[in-house]
Amino acid sequence: MTATTVQLDKSLVNSLKEIREYPRQTYNELILRMIEVFRNIRKNNQYDEFLHKIQQAKMKELWDNKEDEAWENA
């Protein structure tokens, strides 16, 4: 494994220390875990957006109709 040095603000390092899952977890392990969580959230969000888009047409069909408009003017 090739390693590199990354400069981080002390406040960020402290935040990373606070969110470790166990005391001896390395920053490398922690960042890999964070990437995994982020990817899962993004994948789920894309699925939610897909469902929302396919539901929009049906909701428009259900809500935009003459019968409902007649009740609004009653």
PDB file of N, CA and C in Angstrom:
ATOM      1  N   MET A   1       0.847  -1.181   0.000  1.00  0.00           N
ATOM      2  CA  MET A   1       0.000   0.000   0.000  1.00  0.00           C
ATOM      3  C   MET A   1       0.894   1.246   0.000  1.00  0.00           C
ATOM      4  N   THR A   2       0.580   2.168  -0.876  1.00  0.00           N
ATOM      5  CA  THR A   2       1.289   3.436  -0.915  1.00  0.00           C
ATOM      6  C   THR A   2       0.532   4.430  -0.049  1.00  0.00           C
ATOM      7  N   ALA A   3       1.231   5.152   0.779  1.00  0.00           N
ATOM      8  CA  ALA A   3       0.608   6.129   1.677  1.00  0.00           C
ATOM      9  C   ALA A   3       0.974   7.529   1.229  1.00  0.00           C
ATOM     10  N   THR A   4       0.113   8.460   1.579  1.00  0.00           N
ATOM     11  CA  THR A   4       0.374   9.862   1.299  1.00  0.00           C
ATOM     12  C   THR A   4       0.014  10.670   2.537  1.00  0.00           C
ATOM     13  N   THR A   5       0.510  11.870   2.588  1.00  0.00           N
ATOM     14  CA  THR A   5       0.217  12.766   3.700  1.00  0.00           C
ATOM     15  C   THR A   5      -0.848  13.761   3.270  1.00  0.00           C
ATOM     16  N   VAL A   6      -1.850  13.923   4.118  1.00  0.00           N
ATOM     17  CA  VAL A   6      -2.921  14.883   3.856  1.00  0.00           C
ATOM     18  C   VAL A   6      -2.972  15.821   5.049  1.00  0.00           C
ATOM     19  N   GLN A   7      -3.001  17.112   4.778  1.00  0.00           N
ATOM     20  CA  GLN A   7      -3.083  18.080   5.865  1.00  0.00           C
ATOM     21  C   GLN A   7      -4.544  18.336   6.204  1.00  0.00           C
ATOM     22  N   LEU A   8      -4.851  18.239   7.503  1.00  0.00           N
ATOM     23  CA  LEU A   8      -6.214  18.450   7.979  1.00  0.00           C
ATOM     24  C   LEU A   8      -6.197  19.475   9.100  1.00  0.00           C
ATOM     25  N   ASP A   9      -7.260  20.258   9.188  1.00  0.00           N
ATOM     26  CA  ASP A   9      -7.409  21.171  10.317  1.00  0.00           C
ATOM     27  C   ASP A   9      -7.526  20.357  11.600  1.00  0.00           C
ATOM     28  N   LYS A  10      -7.028  20.923  12.692  1.00  0.00           N
ATOM     29  CA  LYS A  10      -7.119  20.225  13.979  1.00  0.00           C
ATOM     30  C   LYS A  10      -8.572  19.944  14.360  1.00  0.00           C
ATOM     31  N   SER A  11      -9.477  20.849  14.015  1.00  0.00           N
ATOM     32  CA  SER A  11     -10.892  20.626  14.351  1.00  0.00           C
ATOM     33  C   SER A  11     -11.454  19.417  13.604  1.00  0.00           C
ATOM     34  N   LEU A  12     -10.997  19.205  12.376  1.00  0.00           N
ATOM     35  CA  LEU A  12     -11.438  18.039  11.610  1.00  0.00           C
ATOM     36  C   LEU A  12     -10.863  16.756  12.210  1.00  0.00           C
ATOM     37  N   VAL A  13      -9.620  16.793  12.604  1.00  0.00           N
ATOM     38  CA  VAL A  13      -8.998  15.630  13.248  1.00  0.00           C
ATOM     39  C   VAL A  13      -9.761  15.292  14.532  1.00  0.00           C
ATOM     40  N   ASN A  14     -10.117  16.309  15.309  1.00  0.00           N
ATOM     41  CA  ASN A  14     -10.884  16.069  16.537  1.00  0.00           C
ATOM     42  C   ASN A  14     -12.248  15.469  16.228  1.00  0.00           C
ATOM     43  N   SER A  15     -12.890  15.949  15.169  1.00  0.00           N
ATOM     44  CA  SER A  15     -14.185  15.392  14.768  1.00  0.00           C
ATOM     45  C   SER A  15     -14.045  13.933  14.351  1.00  0.00           C
ATOM     46  N   LEU A  16     -12.985  13.622  13.619  1.00  0.00           N
ATOM     47  CA  LEU A  16     -12.739  12.239  13.214  1.00  0.00           C
ATOM     48  C   LEU A  16     -12.521  11.348  14.442  1.00  0.00           C
ATOM     49  N   LYS A  17     -11.789  11.853  15.419  1.00  0.00           N
ATOM     50  CA  LYS A  17     -11.565  11.088  16.647  1.00  0.00           C
ATOM     51  C   LYS A  17     -12.883  10.800  17.360  1.00  0.00           C
ATOM     52  N   GLU A  18     -13.777  11.778  17.361  1.00  0.00           N
ATOM     53  CA  GLU A  18     -15.064  11.628  18.058  1.00  0.00           C
ATOM     54  C   GLU A  18     -15.975  10.587  17.411  1.00  0.00           C
ATOM     55  N   ILE A  19     -15.887  10.429  16.097  1.00  0.00           N
ATOM     56  CA  ILE A  19     -16.829   9.535  15.413  1.00  0.00           C
ATOM     57  C   ILE A  19     -16.265   8.139  15.155  1.00  0.00           C
ATOM     58  N   ARG A  20     -15.064   7.871  15.649  1.00  0.00           N
ATOM     59  CA  ARG A  20     -14.497   6.532  15.474  1.00  0.00           C
ATOM     60  C   ARG A  20     -15.432   5.489  16.081  1.00  0.00           C
ATOM     61  N   GLU A  21     -15.481   4.333  15.430  1.00  0.00           N
ATOM     62  CA  GLU A  21     -16.330   3.245  15.912  1.00  0.00           C
ATOM     63  C   GLU A  21     -15.667   2.477  17.054  1.00  0.00           C
ATOM     64  N   TYR A  22     -14.354   2.517  17.111  1.00  0.00           N
ATOM     65  CA  TYR A  22     -13.599   1.914  18.214  1.00  0.00           C
ATOM     66  C   TYR A  22     -12.293   2.698  18.361  1.00  0.00           C
ATOM     67  N   PRO A  23     -11.711   2.695  19.555  1.00  0.00           N
ATOM     68  CA  PRO A  23     -10.570   3.580  19.852  1.00  0.00           C
ATOM     69  C   PRO A  23      -9.358   3.436  18.928  1.00  0.00           C
ATOM     70  N   ARG A  24      -9.053   2.245  18.465  1.00  0.00           N
ATOM     71  CA  ARG A  24      -7.839   2.058  17.658  1.00  0.00           C
ATOM     72  C   ARG A  24      -8.135   2.081  16.161  1.00  0.00           C
ATOM     73  N   GLN A  25      -9.317   2.524  15.786  1.00  0.00           N
ATOM     74  CA  GLN A  25      -9.663   2.614  14.358  1.00  0.00           C
ATOM     75  C   GLN A  25      -8.788   3.690  13.704  1.00  0.00           C
ATOM     76  N   THR A  26      -8.168   3.327  12.600  1.00  0.00           N
ATOM     77  CA  THR A  26      -7.294   4.280  11.917  1.00  0.00           C
ATOM     78  C   THR A  26      -8.137   5.268  11.113  1.00  0.00           C
ATOM     79  N   TYR A  27      -7.536   6.400  10.786  1.00  0.00           N
ATOM     80  CA  TYR A  27      -8.235   7.369   9.939  1.00  0.00           C
ATOM     81  C   TYR A  27      -8.536   6.756   8.573  1.00  0.00           C
ATOM     82  N   ASN A  28      -7.622   5.927   8.083  1.00  0.00           N
ATOM     83  CA  ASN A  28      -7.827   5.258   6.805  1.00  0.00           C
ATOM     84  C   ASN A  28      -9.095   4.386   6.854  1.00  0.00           C
ATOM     85  N   GLU A  29      -9.228   3.585   7.910  1.00  0.00           N
ATOM     86  CA  GLU A  29     -10.414   2.738   8.074  1.00  0.00           C
ATOM     87  C   GLU A  29     -11.680   3.589   8.207  1.00  0.00           C
ATOM     88  N   LEU A  30     -11.555   4.639   8.969  1.00  0.00           N
ATOM     89  CA  LEU A  30     -12.706   5.511   9.204  1.00  0.00           C
ATOM     90  C   LEU A  30     -13.163   6.173   7.903  1.00  0.00           C
ATOM     91  N   ILE A  31     -12.236   6.677   7.132  1.00  0.00           N
ATOM     92  CA  ILE A  31     -12.589   7.340   5.870  1.00  0.00           C
ATOM     93  C   ILE A  31     -13.167   6.336   4.883  1.00  0.00           C
ATOM     94  N   LEU A  32     -12.612   5.131   4.829  1.00  0.00           N
ATOM     95  CA  LEU A  32     -13.190   4.097   3.960  1.00  0.00           C
ATOM     96  C   LEU A  32     -14.631   3.792   4.366  1.00  0.00           C
ATOM     97  N   ARG A  33     -14.888   3.712   5.665  1.00  0.00           N
ATOM     98  CA  ARG A  33     -16.252   3.465   6.168  1.00  0.00           C
ATOM     99  C   ARG A  33     -17.175   4.627   5.800  1.00  0.00           C
ATOM    100  N   MET A  34     -16.685   5.850   5.929  1.00  0.00           N
ATOM    101  CA  MET A  34     -17.483   7.024   5.583  1.00  0.00           C
ATOM    102  C   MET A  34     -17.836   7.017   4.096  1.00  0.00           C
ATOM    103  N   ILE A  35     -16.891   6.624   3.256  1.00  0.00           N
ATOM    104  CA  ILE A  35     -17.140   6.542   1.813  1.00  0.00           C
ATOM    105  C   ILE A  35     -18.216   5.503   1.530  1.00  0.00           C
ATOM    106  N   GLU A  36     -18.125   4.360   2.196  1.00  0.00           N
ATOM    107  CA  GLU A  36     -19.128   3.303   2.021  1.00  0.00           C
ATOM    108  C   GLU A  36     -20.525   3.794   2.406  1.00  0.00           C
ATOM    109  N   VAL A  37     -20.620   4.466   3.540  1.00  0.00           N
ATOM    110  CA  VAL A  37     -21.908   5.001   3.995  1.00  0.00           C
ATOM    111  C   VAL A  37     -22.430   6.034   3.006  1.00  0.00           C
ATOM    112  N   PHE A  38     -21.566   6.927   2.556  1.00  0.00           N
ATOM    113  CA  PHE A  38     -21.970   7.961   1.599  1.00  0.00           C
ATOM    114  C   PHE A  38     -22.499   7.341   0.314  1.00  0.00           C
ATOM    115  N   ARG A  39     -21.799   6.329  -0.202  1.00  0.00           N
ATOM    116  CA  ARG A  39     -22.242   5.673  -1.445  1.00  0.00           C
ATOM    117  C   ARG A  39     -23.608   5.017  -1.264  1.00  0.00           C
ATOM    118  N   ASN A  40     -23.827   4.387  -0.121  1.00  0.00           N
ATOM    119  CA  ASN A  40     -25.123   3.758   0.143  1.00  0.00           C
ATOM    120  C   ASN A  40     -26.236   4.790   0.223  1.00  0.00           C
ATOM    121  N   ILE A  41     -25.959   5.901   0.866  1.00  0.00           N
ATOM    122  CA  ILE A  41     -26.959   6.967   0.970  1.00  0.00           C
ATOM    123  C   ILE A  41     -27.277   7.519  -0.418  1.00  0.00           C
ATOM    124  N   ARG A  42     -26.256   7.748  -1.204  1.00  0.00           N
ATOM    125  CA  ARG A  42     -26.466   8.284  -2.553  1.00  0.00           C
ATOM    126  C   ARG A  42     -27.254   7.305  -3.412  1.00  0.00           C
ATOM    127  N   LYS A  43     -26.931   6.002  -3.304  1.00  0.00           N
ATOM    128  CA  LYS A  43     -27.641   4.979  -4.076  1.00  0.00           C
ATOM    129  C   LYS A  43     -29.116   4.947  -3.664  1.00  0.00           C
ATOM    130  N   ASN A  44     -29.380   5.001  -2.360  1.00  0.00           N
ATOM    131  CA  ASN A  44     -30.766   4.992  -1.879  1.00  0.00           C
ATOM    132  C   ASN A  44     -31.498   6.253  -2.303  1.00  0.00           C
ATOM    133  N   ASN A  45     -30.798   7.384  -2.288  1.00  0.00           N
ATOM    134  CA  ASN A  45     -31.410   8.638  -2.693  1.00  0.00           C
ATOM    135  C   ASN A  45     -31.785   8.604  -4.173  1.00  0.00           C
ATOM    136  N   GLN A  46     -30.942   8.015  -5.007  1.00  0.00           N
ATOM    137  CA  GLN A  46     -31.254   7.890  -6.429  1.00  0.00           C
ATOM    138  C   GLN A  46     -32.485   7.018  -6.618  1.00  0.00           C
ATOM    139  N   TYR A  47     -32.623   5.958  -5.818  1.00  0.00           N
ATOM    140  CA  TYR A  47     -33.800   5.099  -5.893  1.00  0.00           C
ATOM    141  C   TYR A  47     -35.052   5.877  -5.490  1.00  0.00           C
ATOM    142  N   ASP A  48     -34.960   6.667  -4.413  1.00  0.00           N
ATOM    143  CA  ASP A  48     -36.091   7.480  -3.965  1.00  0.00           C
ATOM    144  C   ASP A  48     -36.490   8.496  -5.037  1.00  0.00           C
ATOM    145  N   GLU A  49     -35.497   9.124  -5.675  1.00  0.00           N
ATOM    146  CA  GLU A  49     -35.792  10.087  -6.742  1.00  0.00           C
ATOM    147  C   GLU A  49     -36.478   9.395  -7.914  1.00  0.00           C
ATOM    148  N   PHE A  50     -36.036   8.193  -8.254  1.00  0.00           N
ATOM    149  CA  PHE A  50     -36.656   7.418  -9.330  1.00  0.00           C
ATOM    150  C   PHE A  50     -38.120   7.132  -8.995  1.00  0.00           C
ATOM    151  N   LEU A  51     -38.392   6.680  -7.775  1.00  0.00           N
ATOM    152  CA  LEU A  51     -39.781   6.415  -7.373  1.00  0.00           C
ATOM    153  C   LEU A  51     -40.625   7.678  -7.427  1.00  0.00           C
ATOM    154  N   HIS A  52     -40.064   8.781  -6.973  1.00  0.00           N
ATOM    155  CA  HIS A  52     -40.793  10.046  -6.984  1.00  0.00           C
ATOM    156  C   HIS A  52     -41.173  10.441  -8.412  1.00  0.00           C
ATOM    157  N   LYS A  53     -40.230  10.294  -9.348  1.00  0.00           N
ATOM    158  CA  LYS A  53     -40.504  10.667 -10.736  1.00  0.00           C
ATOM    159  C   LYS A  53     -41.592   9.808 -11.353  1.00  0.00           C
ATOM    160  N   ILE A  54     -41.568   8.494 -11.100  1.00  0.00           N
ATOM    161  CA  ILE A  54     -42.594   7.649 -11.711  1.00  0.00           C
ATOM    162  C   ILE A  54     -43.949   7.843 -11.046  1.00  0.00           C
ATOM    163  N   GLN A  55     -43.966   8.307  -9.808  1.00  0.00           N
ATOM    164  CA  GLN A  55     -45.229   8.558  -9.128  1.00  0.00           C
ATOM    165  C   GLN A  55     -45.836   9.900  -9.532  1.00  0.00           C
ATOM    166  N   GLN A  56     -45.034  10.834 -10.003  1.00  0.00           N
ATOM    167  CA  GLN A  56     -45.537  12.171 -10.345  1.00  0.00           C
ATOM    168  C   GLN A  56     -46.649  12.112 -11.380  1.00  0.00           C
ATOM    169  N   ALA A  57     -46.480  11.321 -12.421  1.00  0.00           N
ATOM    170  CA  ALA A  57     -47.496  11.255 -13.480  1.00  0.00           C
ATOM    171  C   ALA A  57     -48.823  10.739 -12.931  1.00  0.00           C
ATOM    172  N   LYS A  58     -48.777   9.701 -12.101  1.00  0.00           N
ATOM    173  CA  LYS A  58     -50.006   9.143 -11.536  1.00  0.00           C
ATOM    174  C   LYS A  58     -50.665  10.136 -10.589  1.00  0.00           C
ATOM    175  N   MET A  59     -49.893  10.824  -9.777  1.00  0.00           N
ATOM    176  CA  MET A  59     -50.464  11.800  -8.853  1.00  0.00           C
ATOM    177  C   MET A  59     -51.102  12.954  -9.617  1.00  0.00           C
ATOM    178  N   LYS A  60     -50.468  13.382 -10.702  1.00  0.00           N
ATOM    179  CA  LYS A  60     -51.059  14.442 -11.518  1.00  0.00           C
ATOM    180  C   LYS A  60     -52.389  13.970 -12.095  1.00  0.00           C
ATOM    181  N   GLU A  61     -52.428  12.726 -12.557  1.00  0.00           N
ATOM    182  CA  GLU A  61     -53.666  12.155 -13.104  1.00  0.00           C
ATOM    183  C   GLU A  61     -54.755  12.111 -12.041  1.00  0.00           C
ATOM    184  N   LEU A  62     -54.402  11.748 -10.817  1.00  0.00           N
ATOM    185  CA  LEU A  62     -55.392  11.637  -9.748  1.00  0.00           C
ATOM    186  C   LEU A  62     -55.869  12.998  -9.258  1.00  0.00           C
ATOM    187  N   TRP A  63     -54.982  13.967  -9.199  1.00  0.00           N
ATOM    188  CA  TRP A  63     -55.334  15.249  -8.610  1.00  0.00           C
ATOM    189  C   TRP A  63     -55.852  16.268  -9.609  1.00  0.00           C
ATOM    190  N   ASP A  64     -55.400  16.230 -10.834  1.00  0.00           N
ATOM    191  CA  ASP A  64     -55.826  17.209 -11.831  1.00  0.00           C
ATOM    192  C   ASP A  64     -56.960  16.619 -12.666  1.00  0.00           C
ATOM    193  N   ASN A  65     -58.169  16.701 -12.120  1.00  0.00           N
ATOM    194  CA  ASN A  65     -59.310  16.179 -12.864  1.00  0.00           C
ATOM    195  C   ASN A  65     -60.510  17.097 -12.700  1.00  0.00           C
ATOM    196  N   LYS A  66     -61.458  16.984 -13.589  1.00  0.00           N
ATOM    197  CA  LYS A  66     -62.631  17.870 -13.629  1.00  0.00           C
ATOM    198  C   LYS A  66     -63.487  17.733 -12.371  1.00  0.00           C
ATOM    199  N   GLU A  67     -63.616  16.508 -11.837  1.00  0.00           N
ATOM    200  CA  GLU A  67     -64.469  16.298 -10.659  1.00  0.00           C
ATOM    201  C   GLU A  67     -63.976  17.110  -9.462  1.00  0.00           C
ATOM    202  N   ASP A  68     -62.662  17.110  -9.240  1.00  0.00           N
ATOM    203  CA  ASP A  68     -62.114  17.883  -8.131  1.00  0.00           C
ATOM    204  C   ASP A  68     -62.281  19.378  -8.370  1.00  0.00           C
ATOM    205  N   GLU A  69     -62.100  19.820  -9.595  1.00  0.00           N
ATOM    206  CA  GLU A  69     -62.253  21.242  -9.901  1.00  0.00           C
ATOM    207  C   GLU A  69     -63.684  21.689  -9.665  1.00  0.00           C
ATOM    208  N   ALA A  70     -64.664  20.831  -9.948  1.00  0.00           N
ATOM    209  CA  ALA A  70     -66.065  21.167  -9.713  1.00  0.00           C
ATOM    210  C   ALA A  70     -66.329  21.397  -8.228  1.00  0.00           C
ATOM    211  N   TRP A  71     -65.704  20.597  -7.365  1.00  0.00           N
ATOM    212  CA  TRP A  71     -65.901  20.758  -5.928  1.00  0.00           C
ATOM    213  C   TRP A  71     -65.261  22.059  -5.424  1.00  0.00           C
ATOM    214  N   GLU A  72     -64.198  22.483  -6.036  1.00  0.00           N
ATOM    215  CA  GLU A  72     -63.551  23.719  -5.608  1.00  0.00           C
ATOM    216  C   GLU A  72     -64.448  24.927  -5.835  1.00  0.00           C
ATOM    217  N   ASN A  73     -65.317  24.877  -6.843  1.00  0.00           N
ATOM    218  CA  ASN A  73     -66.175  26.005  -7.174  1.00  0.00           C
ATOM    219  C   ASN A  73     -67.585  25.848  -6.610  1.00  0.00           C
ATOM    220  N   ALA A  74     -67.809  24.835  -5.789  1.00  0.00           N
ATOM    221  CA  ALA A  74     -69.159  24.600  -5.239  1.00  0.00           C
ATOM    222  C   ALA A  74     -69.495  25.570  -4.138  1.00  0.00           C
TER     223      ALA A  74
END
